[in-house]
Amino acid sequence: MLRSAAGALLLLAAAPAGAQAYGEDSALPRIDCDRTCLEGFAKSYVAALAAKDPSRAPFAKDIRFTENSVEMPVGEGLWGTVTKVDPADGMIPADTETANVAWFGHAWENGNLVFLAVRLHVNRAHQIDEAETVISRKTGMPLIFGSGMEPHHPAWTEPLADQTTPRSRLRSIADSYFSTLEYNDGTVFAPFSDQCSRLENGISTTAKTANSNNSASVAEGCENQFKLGIYRINKNLRERRFPLIDTERGIVVATDFMDHANYFDEYKLKDGRTMKTLLKWPNSLDVMEAFKIVDGKILTIEANFDYVPYGMHSPWAEPKQ
């Protein structure tokens, strides 16, 4: 009996240090970096990018960097072609539980406007060891693309009046949006605010403007569009990830791939109107998307995305070796 008890104690002592304690939100150890600290890392990244100089940011030696889900050395991609970044433009959510921070804004690449979404992870040594970026470029292919003049919704910086909504609930609400968007047949799984708005690549796709040539020209409002089945072309929304959940402000930053098989050229909306597909071949979108959730409903959304090869996988879907 004593031998068995001793063995049990040894097993307990050998339990992983990262095991989640009962009642805790996460098994990940918190680092000493509050919201202001994390925002500082996002700003240092943007400043270093603007200078085309990775040495100006506190990168870890084993920094893992991707641009549109392609893994490459930090300093490649946009780092070599950027000509300007608007640091004042950034929308910055932060997750003090997991030490992730994001930056949504725009920059210029050889003088051309691009929309940039960045997700960074800060390690216990106060270094950036992950930098995941999605860049939306105007390349000539049909793609929603704004002018860079649309402001961020003011709600992004506002803390929630009631901060008791658990992380799991915020995540499930964001995921329900993806489930509504996938194979959009008029079924709505997500809870939307009546004032729900959405920016995609810097342009409103839920409210008509003088230059609307997107979903807003068919129907206005988040829920109204989904009830019509506007996005029926979305065959899959796969490899959904939710690396950043800002419980103080009710923000979830998520990534996924949106597959368009395009095995049909046109489809019917729920009101009988006919929609035609823009691209006539299989393609995927690499997406980074932020959701602001207030009182259990999606209030506003910002998404950056660009085309990638059909069926592409994310290097972030598997843990670093």
C-alpha atoms as a PDB file:
ATOM      1  CA  MET A   1       0.000   0.000   0.000  1.00  0.00           C
ATOM      2  CA  LEU A   2       2.800   2.437   0.933  1.00  0.00           C
ATOM      3  CA  ARG A   3       4.646   1.524  -2.254  1.00  0.00           C
ATOM      4  CA  SER A   4       1.515   2.255  -4.316  1.00  0.00           C
ATOM      5  CA  ALA A   5       1.022   5.585  -2.558  1.00  0.00           C
ATOM      6  CA  ALA A   6       4.644   6.515  -3.203  1.00  0.00           C
ATOM      7  CA  GLY A   7       4.226   5.618  -6.862  1.00  0.00           C
ATOM      8  CA  ALA A   8       1.143   7.814  -7.089  1.00  0.00           C
ATOM      9  CA  LEU A   9       3.064  10.712  -5.578  1.00  0.00           C
ATOM     10  CA  LEU A  10       5.821  10.240  -8.131  1.00  0.00           C
ATOM     11  CA  LEU A  11       3.273  10.306 -10.946  1.00  0.00           C
ATOM     12  CA  LEU A  12       1.794  13.517  -9.572  1.00  0.00           C
ATOM     13  CA  ALA A  13       5.231  15.062  -9.318  1.00  0.00           C
ATOM     14  CA  ALA A  14       5.887  14.112 -12.926  1.00  0.00           C
ATOM     15  CA  ALA A  15       2.707  15.810 -14.181  1.00  0.00           C
ATOM     16  CA  PRO A  16       3.444  18.462 -16.852  1.00  0.00           C
ATOM     17  CA  ALA A  17       3.967  21.966 -15.478  1.00  0.00           C
ATOM     18  CA  GLY A  18       1.642  23.325 -18.126  1.00  0.00           C
ATOM     19  CA  ALA A  19      -1.321  21.203 -17.053  1.00  0.00           C
ATOM     20  CA  GLN A  20      -4.447  23.274 -16.642  1.00  0.00           C
ATOM     21  CA  ALA A  21      -5.601  23.686 -13.046  1.00  0.00           C
ATOM     22  CA  TYR A  22      -9.277  23.286 -12.243  1.00  0.00           C
ATOM     23  CA  GLY A  23     -11.165  26.542 -12.807  1.00  0.00           C
ATOM     24  CA  GLU A  24      -8.372  28.201 -14.801  1.00  0.00           C
ATOM     25  CA  ASP A  25      -9.054  29.596 -18.287  1.00  0.00           C
ATOM     26  CA  SER A  26      -5.855  28.298 -19.856  1.00  0.00           C
ATOM     27  CA  ALA A  27      -3.043  25.791 -19.340  1.00  0.00           C
ATOM     28  CA  LEU A  28      -0.599  28.320 -20.779  1.00  0.00           C
ATOM     29  CA  PRO A  29       1.507  30.155 -18.201  1.00  0.00           C
ATOM     30  CA  ARG A  30       0.902  33.903 -18.278  1.00  0.00           C
ATOM     31  CA  ILE A  31       3.818  36.141 -19.060  1.00  0.00           C
ATOM     32  CA  ASP A  32       4.327  39.475 -17.352  1.00  0.00           C
ATOM     33  CA  CYS A  33       2.988  41.576 -20.248  1.00  0.00           C
ATOM     34  CA  ASP A  34      -0.266  43.518 -19.929  1.00  0.00           C
ATOM     35  CA  ARG A  35      -2.292  45.154 -22.707  1.00  0.00           C
ATOM     36  CA  THR A  36      -0.029  48.177 -22.982  1.00  0.00           C
ATOM     37  CA  CYS A  37       3.003  45.902 -23.127  1.00  0.00           C
ATOM     38  CA  LEU A  38       1.517  43.737 -25.890  1.00  0.00           C
ATOM     39  CA  GLU A  39       0.400  46.779 -27.877  1.00  0.00           C
ATOM     40  CA  GLY A  40       3.997  47.993 -27.665  1.00  0.00           C
ATOM     41  CA  PHE A  41       5.190  44.837 -29.437  1.00  0.00           C
ATOM     42  CA  ALA A  42       2.670  45.392 -32.246  1.00  0.00           C
ATOM     43  CA  LYS A  43       3.828  48.978 -32.654  1.00  0.00           C
ATOM     44  CA  SER A  44       7.497  47.966 -32.648  1.00  0.00           C
ATOM     45  CA  TYR A  45       6.759  45.404 -35.373  1.00  0.00           C
ATOM     46  CA  VAL A  46       5.025  48.020 -37.534  1.00  0.00           C
ATOM     47  CA  ALA A  47       7.821  50.544 -36.993  1.00  0.00           C
ATOM     48  CA  ALA A  48      10.475  47.978 -37.927  1.00  0.00           C
ATOM     49  CA  LEU A  49       8.470  46.992 -41.011  1.00  0.00           C
ATOM     50  CA  ALA A  50       8.196  50.625 -42.094  1.00  0.00           C
ATOM     51  CA  ALA A  51      11.977  50.917 -41.767  1.00  0.00           C
ATOM     52  CA  LYS A  52      12.515  47.604 -43.637  1.00  0.00           C
ATOM     53  CA  ASP A  53      14.741  46.618 -40.726  1.00  0.00           C
ATOM     54  CA  PRO A  54      13.850  43.492 -38.690  1.00  0.00           C
ATOM     55  CA  SER A  55      16.632  44.302 -36.231  1.00  0.00           C
ATOM     56  CA  ARG A  56      14.482  47.133 -34.892  1.00  0.00           C
ATOM     57  CA  ALA A  57      11.905  44.663 -33.529  1.00  0.00           C
ATOM     58  CA  PRO A  58      12.552  42.321 -30.572  1.00  0.00           C
ATOM     59  CA  PHE A  59      12.451  39.086 -32.568  1.00  0.00           C
ATOM     60  CA  ALA A  60      13.454  35.806 -30.984  1.00  0.00           C
ATOM     61  CA  LYS A  61      16.270  33.871 -32.646  1.00  0.00           C
ATOM     62  CA  ASP A  62      13.794  31.142 -33.592  1.00  0.00           C
ATOM     63  CA  ILE A  63      11.172  33.608 -34.907  1.00  0.00           C
ATOM     64  CA  ARG A  64       8.584  31.905 -37.079  1.00  0.00           C
ATOM     65  CA  PHE A  65       7.220  34.168 -39.829  1.00  0.00           C
ATOM     66  CA  THR A  66       4.563  33.648 -42.509  1.00  0.00           C
ATOM     67  CA  GLU A  67       3.095  35.825 -45.231  1.00  0.00           C
ATOM     68  CA  ASN A  68      -0.214  34.591 -46.627  1.00  0.00           C
ATOM     69  CA  SER A  69       0.478  31.186 -45.037  1.00  0.00           C
ATOM     70  CA  VAL A  70       3.891  30.754 -46.670  1.00  0.00           C
ATOM     71  CA  GLU A  71       6.683  30.285 -44.137  1.00  0.00           C
ATOM     72  CA  MET A  72       9.798  32.331 -44.891  1.00  0.00           C
ATOM     73  CA  PRO A  73      12.599  34.175 -43.099  1.00  0.00           C
ATOM     74  CA  VAL A  74      11.482  37.378 -41.412  1.00  0.00           C
ATOM     75  CA  GLY A  75      12.597  40.235 -43.643  1.00  0.00           C
ATOM     76  CA  GLU A  76      11.275  38.615 -46.829  1.00  0.00           C
ATOM     77  CA  GLY A  77       7.992  39.386 -48.615  1.00  0.00           C
ATOM     78  CA  LEU A  78       6.450  42.741 -47.732  1.00  0.00           C
ATOM     79  CA  TRP A  79       9.526  43.566 -45.648  1.00  0.00           C
ATOM     80  CA  GLY A  80      11.467  44.039 -48.880  1.00  0.00           C
ATOM     81  CA  THR A  81       8.839  45.960 -50.853  1.00  0.00           C
ATOM     82  CA  VAL A  82       7.075  48.145 -48.268  1.00  0.00           C
ATOM     83  CA  THR A  83       7.372  51.888 -48.842  1.00  0.00           C
ATOM     84  CA  LYS A  84       5.124  53.178 -46.045  1.00  0.00           C
ATOM     85  CA  VAL A  85       3.057  51.981 -43.088  1.00  0.00           C
ATOM     86  CA  ASP A  86       0.402  54.081 -41.386  1.00  0.00           C
ATOM     87  CA  PRO A  87       1.072  53.397 -37.672  1.00  0.00           C
ATOM     88  CA  ALA A  88      -1.864  55.544 -36.546  1.00  0.00           C
ATOM     89  CA  ASP A  89      -4.241  53.416 -38.594  1.00  0.00           C
ATOM     90  CA  GLY A  90      -3.819  50.215 -36.605  1.00  0.00           C
ATOM     91  CA  MET A  91      -6.600  48.447 -34.746  1.00  0.00           C
ATOM     92  CA  ILE A  92      -4.848  46.474 -31.958  1.00  0.00           C
ATOM     93  CA  PRO A  93      -6.607  43.712 -29.966  1.00  0.00           C
ATOM     94  CA  ALA A  94      -4.570  41.937 -27.277  1.00  0.00           C
ATOM     95  CA  ASP A  95      -4.906  38.647 -25.411  1.00  0.00           C
ATOM     96  CA  THR A  96      -3.075  38.777 -22.091  1.00  0.00           C
ATOM     97  CA  GLU A  97      -3.929  35.113 -21.387  1.00  0.00           C
ATOM     98  CA  THR A  98      -1.994  33.755 -24.378  1.00  0.00           C
ATOM     99  CA  ALA A  99       0.346  36.727 -25.061  1.00  0.00           C
ATOM    100  CA  ASN A 100      -0.988  37.231 -28.582  1.00  0.00           C
ATOM    101  CA  VAL A 101      -1.524  40.660 -30.104  1.00  0.00           C
ATOM    102  CA  ALA A 102      -2.793  41.708 -33.541  1.00  0.00           C
ATOM    103  CA  TRP A 103      -2.607  44.762 -35.790  1.00  0.00           C
ATOM    104  CA  PHE A 104      -5.116  45.526 -38.571  1.00  0.00           C
ATOM    105  CA  GLY A 105      -4.303  48.467 -40.838  1.00  0.00           C
ATOM    106  CA  HIS A 106      -2.834  49.384 -44.176  1.00  0.00           C
ATOM    107  CA  ALA A 107       0.498  50.088 -45.794  1.00  0.00           C
ATOM    108  CA  TRP A 108       1.983  50.819 -49.191  1.00  0.00           C
ATOM    109  CA  GLU A 109       4.124  48.499 -51.294  1.00  0.00           C
ATOM    110  CA  ASN A 110       6.175  50.239 -53.971  1.00  0.00           C
ATOM    111  CA  GLY A 111       3.579  52.990 -53.744  1.00  0.00           C
ATOM    112  CA  ASN A 112       0.550  50.687 -54.008  1.00  0.00           C
ATOM    113  CA  LEU A 113      -1.980  50.393 -51.175  1.00  0.00           C
ATOM    114  CA  VAL A 114      -2.136  47.030 -49.373  1.00  0.00           C
ATOM    115  CA  PHE A 115      -4.213  45.903 -46.392  1.00  0.00           C
ATOM    116  CA  LEU A 116      -2.276  44.200 -43.630  1.00  0.00           C
ATOM    117  CA  ALA A 117      -3.308  41.968 -40.735  1.00  0.00           C
ATOM    118  CA  VAL A 118      -0.639  40.799 -38.290  1.00  0.00           C
ATOM    119  CA  ARG A 119      -0.819  38.333 -35.408  1.00  0.00           C
ATOM    120  CA  LEU A 120       2.169  38.218 -33.038  1.00  0.00           C
ATOM    121  CA  HIS A 121       3.025  35.979 -30.108  1.00  0.00           C
ATOM    122  CA  VAL A 122       5.333  37.177 -27.318  1.00  0.00           C
ATOM    123  CA  ASN A 123       7.380  34.607 -25.407  1.00  0.00           C
ATOM    124  CA  ARG A 124       8.401  34.618 -21.747  1.00  0.00           C
ATOM    125  CA  ALA A 125      11.675  36.346 -22.631  1.00  0.00           C
ATOM    126  CA  HIS A 126       9.651  39.260 -24.020  1.00  0.00           C
ATOM    127  CA  GLN A 127      10.532  38.501 -27.619  1.00  0.00           C
ATOM    128  CA  ILE A 128       8.325  38.016 -30.668  1.00  0.00           C
ATOM    129  CA  ASP A 129       8.575  34.329 -31.562  1.00  0.00           C
ATOM    130  CA  GLU A 130       5.600  34.160 -33.975  1.00  0.00           C
ATOM    131  CA  ALA A 131       4.568  36.618 -36.692  1.00  0.00           C
ATOM    132  CA  GLU A 132       1.634  35.581 -38.864  1.00  0.00           C
ATOM    133  CA  THR A 133       0.625  38.051 -41.577  1.00  0.00           C
ATOM    134  CA  VAL A 134      -2.113  38.257 -44.190  1.00  0.00           C
ATOM    135  CA  ILE A 135      -1.659  40.847 -46.938  1.00  0.00           C
ATOM    136  CA  SER A 136      -4.371  41.874 -49.396  1.00  0.00           C
ATOM    137  CA  ARG A 137      -2.972  43.143 -52.691  1.00  0.00           C
ATOM    138  CA  LYS A 138      -4.740  44.549 -55.734  1.00  0.00           C
ATOM    139  CA  THR A 139      -3.372  42.314 -58.450  1.00  0.00           C
ATOM    140  CA  GLY A 140      -6.005  42.550 -61.188  1.00  0.00           C
ATOM    141  CA  MET A 141      -8.004  39.511 -60.087  1.00  0.00           C
ATOM    142  CA  PRO A 142     -11.579  40.224 -58.898  1.00  0.00           C
ATOM    143  CA  LEU A 143     -11.202  41.045 -55.205  1.00  0.00           C
ATOM    144  CA  ILE A 144     -12.971  43.328 -52.735  1.00  0.00           C
ATOM    145  CA  PHE A 145     -10.563  46.209 -52.164  1.00  0.00           C
ATOM    146  CA  GLY A 146     -11.053  49.582 -50.483  1.00  0.00           C
ATOM    147  CA  SER A 147      -9.377  52.965 -50.731  1.00  0.00           C
ATOM    148  CA  GLY A 148      -7.866  52.961 -47.239  1.00  0.00           C
ATOM    149  CA  MET A 149     -10.186  55.788 -46.178  1.00  0.00           C
ATOM    150  CA  GLU A 150     -12.736  53.690 -44.257  1.00  0.00           C
ATOM    151  CA  PRO A 151     -12.161  54.139 -40.499  1.00  0.00           C
ATOM    152  CA  HIS A 152     -12.138  51.354 -37.929  1.00  0.00           C
ATOM    153  CA  HIS A 153     -15.370  51.060 -35.947  1.00  0.00           C
ATOM    154  CA  PRO A 154     -14.937  52.942 -32.630  1.00  0.00           C
ATOM    155  CA  ALA A 155     -16.172  49.885 -30.706  1.00  0.00           C
ATOM    156  CA  TRP A 156     -12.850  48.070 -31.281  1.00  0.00           C
ATOM    157  CA  THR A 157     -11.171  50.127 -28.542  1.00  0.00           C
ATOM    158  CA  GLU A 158     -14.065  50.037 -26.079  1.00  0.00           C
ATOM    159  CA  PRO A 159     -13.989  47.601 -23.129  1.00  0.00           C
ATOM    160  CA  LEU A 160     -17.097  45.541 -22.494  1.00  0.00           C
ATOM    161  CA  ALA A 161     -19.412  46.781 -19.756  1.00  0.00           C
ATOM    162  CA  ASP A 162     -19.838  43.148 -18.676  1.00  0.00           C
ATOM    163  CA  GLN A 163     -16.582  41.205 -18.918  1.00  0.00           C
ATOM    164  CA  THR A 164     -17.936  37.901 -17.602  1.00  0.00           C
ATOM    165  CA  THR A 165     -18.376  36.253 -21.018  1.00  0.00           C
ATOM    166  CA  PRO A 166     -15.956  33.287 -21.004  1.00  0.00           C
ATOM    167  CA  ARG A 167     -13.345  32.806 -23.702  1.00  0.00           C
ATOM    168  CA  SER A 168     -15.039  29.616 -24.869  1.00  0.00           C
ATOM    169  CA  ARG A 169     -18.287  31.478 -25.507  1.00  0.00           C
ATOM    170  CA  LEU A 170     -16.585  34.258 -27.484  1.00  0.00           C
ATOM    171  CA  ARG A 171     -14.819  31.639 -29.557  1.00  0.00           C
ATOM    172  CA  SER A 172     -18.019  29.702 -30.254  1.00  0.00           C
ATOM    173  CA  ILE A 173     -19.762  32.867 -31.453  1.00  0.00           C
ATOM    174  CA  ALA A 174     -16.919  33.599 -33.892  1.00  0.00           C
ATOM    175  CA  ASP A 175     -16.996  29.985 -35.054  1.00  0.00           C
ATOM    176  CA  SER A 176     -20.757  30.184 -35.605  1.00  0.00           C
ATOM    177  CA  TYR A 177     -20.072  33.003 -38.081  1.00  0.00           C
ATOM    178  CA  PHE A 178     -17.794  30.705 -40.066  1.00  0.00           C
ATOM    179  CA  SER A 179     -20.438  27.961 -39.974  1.00  0.00           C
ATOM    180  CA  THR A 180     -23.019  30.431 -41.298  1.00  0.00           C
ATOM    181  CA  LEU A 181     -20.660  31.517 -44.091  1.00  0.00           C
ATOM    182  CA  GLU A 182     -19.736  27.967 -45.088  1.00  0.00           C
ATOM    183  CA  TYR A 183     -22.113  26.577 -47.727  1.00  0.00           C
ATOM    184  CA  ASN A 184     -24.335  29.612 -47.114  1.00  0.00           C
ATOM    185  CA  ASP A 185     -27.841  28.349 -47.882  1.00  0.00           C
ATOM    186  CA  GLY A 186     -29.849  30.867 -45.866  1.00  0.00           C
ATOM    187  CA  THR A 187     -29.361  29.166 -42.494  1.00  0.00           C
ATOM    188  CA  VAL A 188     -28.032  31.570 -39.855  1.00  0.00           C
ATOM    189  CA  PHE A 189     -26.160  30.059 -36.909  1.00  0.00           C
ATOM    190  CA  ALA A 190     -24.494  33.241 -35.660  1.00  0.00           C
ATOM    191  CA  PRO A 191     -26.075  35.876 -33.379  1.00  0.00           C
ATOM    192  CA  PHE A 192     -25.866  39.276 -35.086  1.00  0.00           C
ATOM    193  CA  SER A 193     -26.497  42.728 -33.688  1.00  0.00           C
ATOM    194  CA  ASP A 194     -29.030  44.763 -35.664  1.00  0.00           C
ATOM    195  CA  GLN A 195     -26.175  47.265 -36.200  1.00  0.00           C
ATOM    196  CA  CYS A 196     -23.704  44.630 -37.443  1.00  0.00           C
ATOM    197  CA  SER A 197     -21.178  46.016 -39.921  1.00  0.00           C
ATOM    198  CA  ARG A 198     -18.246  44.499 -41.782  1.00  0.00           C
ATOM    199  CA  LEU A 199     -15.069  45.791 -43.437  1.00  0.00           C
ATOM    200  CA  GLU A 200     -13.356  43.466 -45.896  1.00  0.00           C
ATOM    201  CA  ASN A 201     -10.000  44.579 -47.294  1.00  0.00           C
ATOM    202  CA  GLY A 202     -10.804  48.087 -46.159  1.00  0.00           C
ATOM    203  CA  ILE A 203     -14.259  48.460 -47.707  1.00  0.00           C
ATOM    204  CA  SER A 204     -17.728  48.170 -46.204  1.00  0.00           C
ATOM    205  CA  THR A 205     -19.559  45.118 -47.524  1.00  0.00           C
ATOM    206  CA  THR A 206     -22.700  45.603 -45.437  1.00  0.00           C
ATOM    207  CA  ALA A 207     -23.669  49.222 -46.222  1.00  0.00           C
ATOM    208  CA  LYS A 208     -24.123  50.707 -49.667  1.00  0.00           C
ATOM    209  CA  THR A 209     -21.751  53.430 -50.752  1.00  0.00           C
ATOM    210  CA  ALA A 210     -21.407  55.398 -53.967  1.00  0.00           C
ATOM    211  CA  ASN A 211     -18.918  52.819 -55.235  1.00  0.00           C
ATOM    212  CA  SER A 212     -20.569  49.654 -53.917  1.00  0.00           C
ATOM    213  CA  ASN A 213     -19.958  46.733 -56.240  1.00  0.00           C
ATOM    214  CA  ASN A 214     -20.080  43.939 -53.706  1.00  0.00           C
ATOM    215  CA  SER A 215     -22.465  42.187 -51.324  1.00  0.00           C
ATOM    216  CA  ALA A 216     -23.901  45.503 -50.094  1.00  0.00           C
ATOM    217  CA  SER A 217     -25.275  46.180 -53.569  1.00  0.00           C
ATOM    218  CA  VAL A 218     -27.357  42.994 -53.267  1.00  0.00           C
ATOM    219  CA  ALA A 219     -28.469  43.353 -49.642  1.00  0.00           C
ATOM    220  CA  GLU A 220     -27.440  45.461 -46.656  1.00  0.00           C
ATOM    221  CA  GLY A 221     -26.664  44.161 -43.168  1.00  0.00           C
ATOM    222  CA  CYS A 222     -24.855  41.037 -41.961  1.00  0.00           C
ATOM    223  CA  GLU A 223     -27.819  38.804 -41.212  1.00  0.00           C
ATOM    224  CA  ASN A 224     -29.859  39.892 -44.245  1.00  0.00           C
ATOM    225  CA  GLN A 225     -27.066  38.829 -46.586  1.00  0.00           C
ATOM    226  CA  PHE A 226     -26.722  35.406 -44.998  1.00  0.00           C
ATOM    227  CA  LYS A 227     -30.483  34.829 -45.078  1.00  0.00           C
ATOM    228  CA  LEU A 228     -30.368  35.433 -48.833  1.00  0.00           C
ATOM    229  CA  GLY A 229     -27.558  32.908 -49.322  1.00  0.00           C
ATOM    230  CA  ILE A 230     -25.254  35.393 -51.055  1.00  0.00           C
ATOM    231  CA  TYR A 231     -22.155  33.399 -50.116  1.00  0.00           C
ATOM    232  CA  ARG A 232     -23.308  30.033 -51.413  1.00  0.00           C
ATOM    233  CA  ILE A 233     -19.998  29.640 -53.303  1.00  0.00           C
ATOM    234  CA  ASN A 234     -18.125  28.960 -50.036  1.00  0.00           C
ATOM    235  CA  LYS A 235     -17.701  25.193 -50.172  1.00  0.00           C
ATOM    236  CA  ASN A 236     -15.503  24.941 -47.052  1.00  0.00           C
ATOM    237  CA  LEU A 237     -14.211  27.159 -44.275  1.00  0.00           C
ATOM    238  CA  ARG A 238     -11.450  24.948 -42.977  1.00  0.00           C
ATOM    239  CA  GLU A 239      -8.452  24.987 -40.661  1.00  0.00           C
ATOM    240  CA  ARG A 240     -10.286  27.444 -38.425  1.00  0.00           C
ATOM    241  CA  ARG A 241      -8.027  28.815 -35.708  1.00  0.00           C
ATOM    242  CA  PHE A 242      -8.738  31.257 -32.880  1.00  0.00           C
ATOM    243  CA  PRO A 243      -5.320  32.301 -31.540  1.00  0.00           C
ATOM    244  CA  LEU A 244      -6.381  35.597 -29.940  1.00  0.00           C
ATOM    245  CA  ILE A 245      -9.377  36.196 -27.656  1.00  0.00           C
ATOM    246  CA  ASP A 246      -9.485  39.628 -26.025  1.00  0.00           C
ATOM    247  CA  THR A 247     -11.994  39.096 -23.208  1.00  0.00           C
ATOM    248  CA  GLU A 248     -11.708  42.669 -21.940  1.00  0.00           C
ATOM    249  CA  ARG A 249     -12.938  44.104 -25.242  1.00  0.00           C
ATOM    250  CA  GLY A 250     -14.903  41.122 -26.558  1.00  0.00           C
ATOM    251  CA  ILE A 251     -12.685  40.584 -29.621  1.00  0.00           C
ATOM    252  CA  VAL A 252     -11.783  37.323 -31.331  1.00  0.00           C
ATOM    253  CA  VAL A 253      -9.104  37.179 -34.025  1.00  0.00           C
ATOM    254  CA  ALA A 254      -9.426  34.079 -36.177  1.00  0.00           C
ATOM    255  CA  THR A 255      -7.892  32.601 -39.315  1.00  0.00           C
ATOM    256  CA  ASP A 256      -9.178  30.122 -41.869  1.00  0.00           C
ATOM    257  CA  PHE A 257      -9.135  29.115 -45.517  1.00  0.00           C
ATOM    258  CA  MET A 258     -12.230  29.758 -47.617  1.00  0.00           C
ATOM    259  CA  ASP A 259     -12.535  27.290 -50.500  1.00  0.00           C
ATOM    260  CA  HIS A 260     -14.415  28.082 -53.697  1.00  0.00           C
ATOM    261  CA  ALA A 261     -14.732  24.900 -55.767  1.00  0.00           C
ATOM    262  CA  ASN A 262     -16.628  26.805 -58.505  1.00  0.00           C
ATOM    263  CA  TYR A 263     -18.198  23.680 -59.943  1.00  0.00           C
ATOM    264  CA  PHE A 264     -21.253  25.812 -60.754  1.00  0.00           C
ATOM    265  CA  ASP A 265     -21.246  29.103 -62.650  1.00  0.00           C
ATOM    266  CA  GLU A 266     -24.419  30.578 -61.160  1.00  0.00           C
ATOM    267  CA  TYR A 267     -26.727  30.029 -58.211  1.00  0.00           C
ATOM    268  CA  LYS A 268     -30.075  31.207 -56.907  1.00  0.00           C
ATOM    269  CA  LEU A 269     -30.586  33.453 -53.906  1.00  0.00           C
ATOM    270  CA  LYS A 270     -33.423  32.690 -51.510  1.00  0.00           C
ATOM    271  CA  ASP A 271     -35.495  35.475 -53.106  1.00  0.00           C
ATOM    272  CA  GLY A 272     -35.107  33.938 -56.589  1.00  0.00           C
ATOM    273  CA  ARG A 273     -32.440  36.271 -57.948  1.00  0.00           C
ATOM    274  CA  THR A 274     -29.507  34.728 -59.804  1.00  0.00           C
ATOM    275  CA  MET A 275     -25.878  35.298 -58.828  1.00  0.00           C
ATOM    276  CA  LYS A 276     -22.857  34.493 -60.985  1.00  0.00           C
ATOM    277  CA  THR A 277     -19.453  33.416 -59.739  1.00  0.00           C
ATOM    278  CA  LEU A 278     -16.588  35.861 -60.340  1.00  0.00           C
ATOM    279  CA  LEU A 279     -13.797  33.318 -60.862  1.00  0.00           C
ATOM    280  CA  LYS A 280     -14.340  30.286 -63.038  1.00  0.00           C
ATOM    281  CA  TRP A 281     -11.767  27.967 -61.494  1.00  0.00           C
ATOM    282  CA  PRO A 282     -11.128  26.503 -58.014  1.00  0.00           C
ATOM    283  CA  ASN A 283      -9.494  28.957 -55.642  1.00  0.00           C
ATOM    284  CA  SER A 284      -9.050  29.591 -51.919  1.00  0.00           C
ATOM    285  CA  LEU A 285      -8.809  32.698 -49.767  1.00  0.00           C
ATOM    286  CA  ASP A 286      -6.383  32.982 -46.856  1.00  0.00           C
ATOM    287  CA  VAL A 287      -8.269  34.944 -44.191  1.00  0.00           C
ATOM    288  CA  MET A 288      -7.482  36.751 -40.948  1.00  0.00           C
ATOM    289  CA  GLU A 289     -10.634  38.126 -39.366  1.00  0.00           C
ATOM    290  CA  ALA A 290     -11.534  40.036 -36.207  1.00  0.00           C
ATOM    291  CA  PHE A 291     -14.949  39.929 -34.509  1.00  0.00           C
ATOM    292  CA  LYS A 292     -16.253  42.433 -31.953  1.00  0.00           C
ATOM    293  CA  ILE A 293     -18.857  40.729 -29.779  1.00  0.00           C
ATOM    294  CA  VAL A 294     -21.103  42.747 -27.456  1.00  0.00           C
ATOM    295  CA  ASP A 295     -23.916  41.269 -25.320  1.00  0.00           C
ATOM    296  CA  GLY A 296     -23.413  37.913 -27.015  1.00  0.00           C
ATOM    297  CA  LYS A 297     -23.881  39.300 -30.547  1.00  0.00           C
ATOM    298  CA  ILE A 298     -21.494  40.194 -33.363  1.00  0.00           C
ATOM    299  CA  LEU A 299     -21.387  43.981 -33.635  1.00  0.00           C
ATOM    300  CA  THR A 300     -18.653  44.530 -36.219  1.00  0.00           C
ATOM    301  CA  ILE A 301     -16.135  42.539 -38.250  1.00  0.00           C
ATOM    302  CA  GLU A 302     -12.866  43.262 -40.046  1.00  0.00           C
ATOM    303  CA  ALA A 303     -11.363  40.789 -42.492  1.00  0.00           C
ATOM    304  CA  ASN A 304      -8.221  40.745 -44.631  1.00  0.00           C
ATOM    305  CA  PHE A 305      -7.818  38.080 -47.281  1.00  0.00           C
ATOM    306  CA  ASP A 306      -6.123  37.266 -50.560  1.00  0.00           C
ATOM    307  CA  TYR A 307      -6.062  34.417 -53.040  1.00  0.00           C
ATOM    308  CA  VAL A 308      -3.893  31.354 -52.452  1.00  0.00           C
ATOM    309  CA  PRO A 309      -3.751  28.031 -54.322  1.00  0.00           C
ATOM    310  CA  TYR A 310      -6.875  25.920 -53.981  1.00  0.00           C
ATOM    311  CA  GLY A 311      -6.690  23.577 -50.994  1.00  0.00           C
ATOM    312  CA  MET A 312      -3.584  25.209 -49.509  1.00  0.00           C
ATOM    313  CA  HIS A 313      -2.781  24.336 -45.894  1.00  0.00           C
ATOM    314  CA  SER A 314      -1.557  26.587 -43.104  1.00  0.00           C
ATOM    315  CA  PRO A 315       1.850  25.927 -41.541  1.00  0.00           C
ATOM    316  CA  TRP A 316       0.259  27.115 -38.278  1.00  0.00           C
ATOM    317  CA  ALA A 317      -2.218  24.224 -38.311  1.00  0.00           C
ATOM    318  CA  GLU A 318       0.493  21.986 -36.858  1.00  0.00           C
ATOM    319  CA  PRO A 319       2.651  22.913 -33.846  1.00  0.00           C
ATOM    320  CA  LYS A 320       6.227  24.014 -34.423  1.00  0.00           C
ATOM    321  CA  GLN A 321       8.653  21.074 -34.412  1.00  0.00           C
END
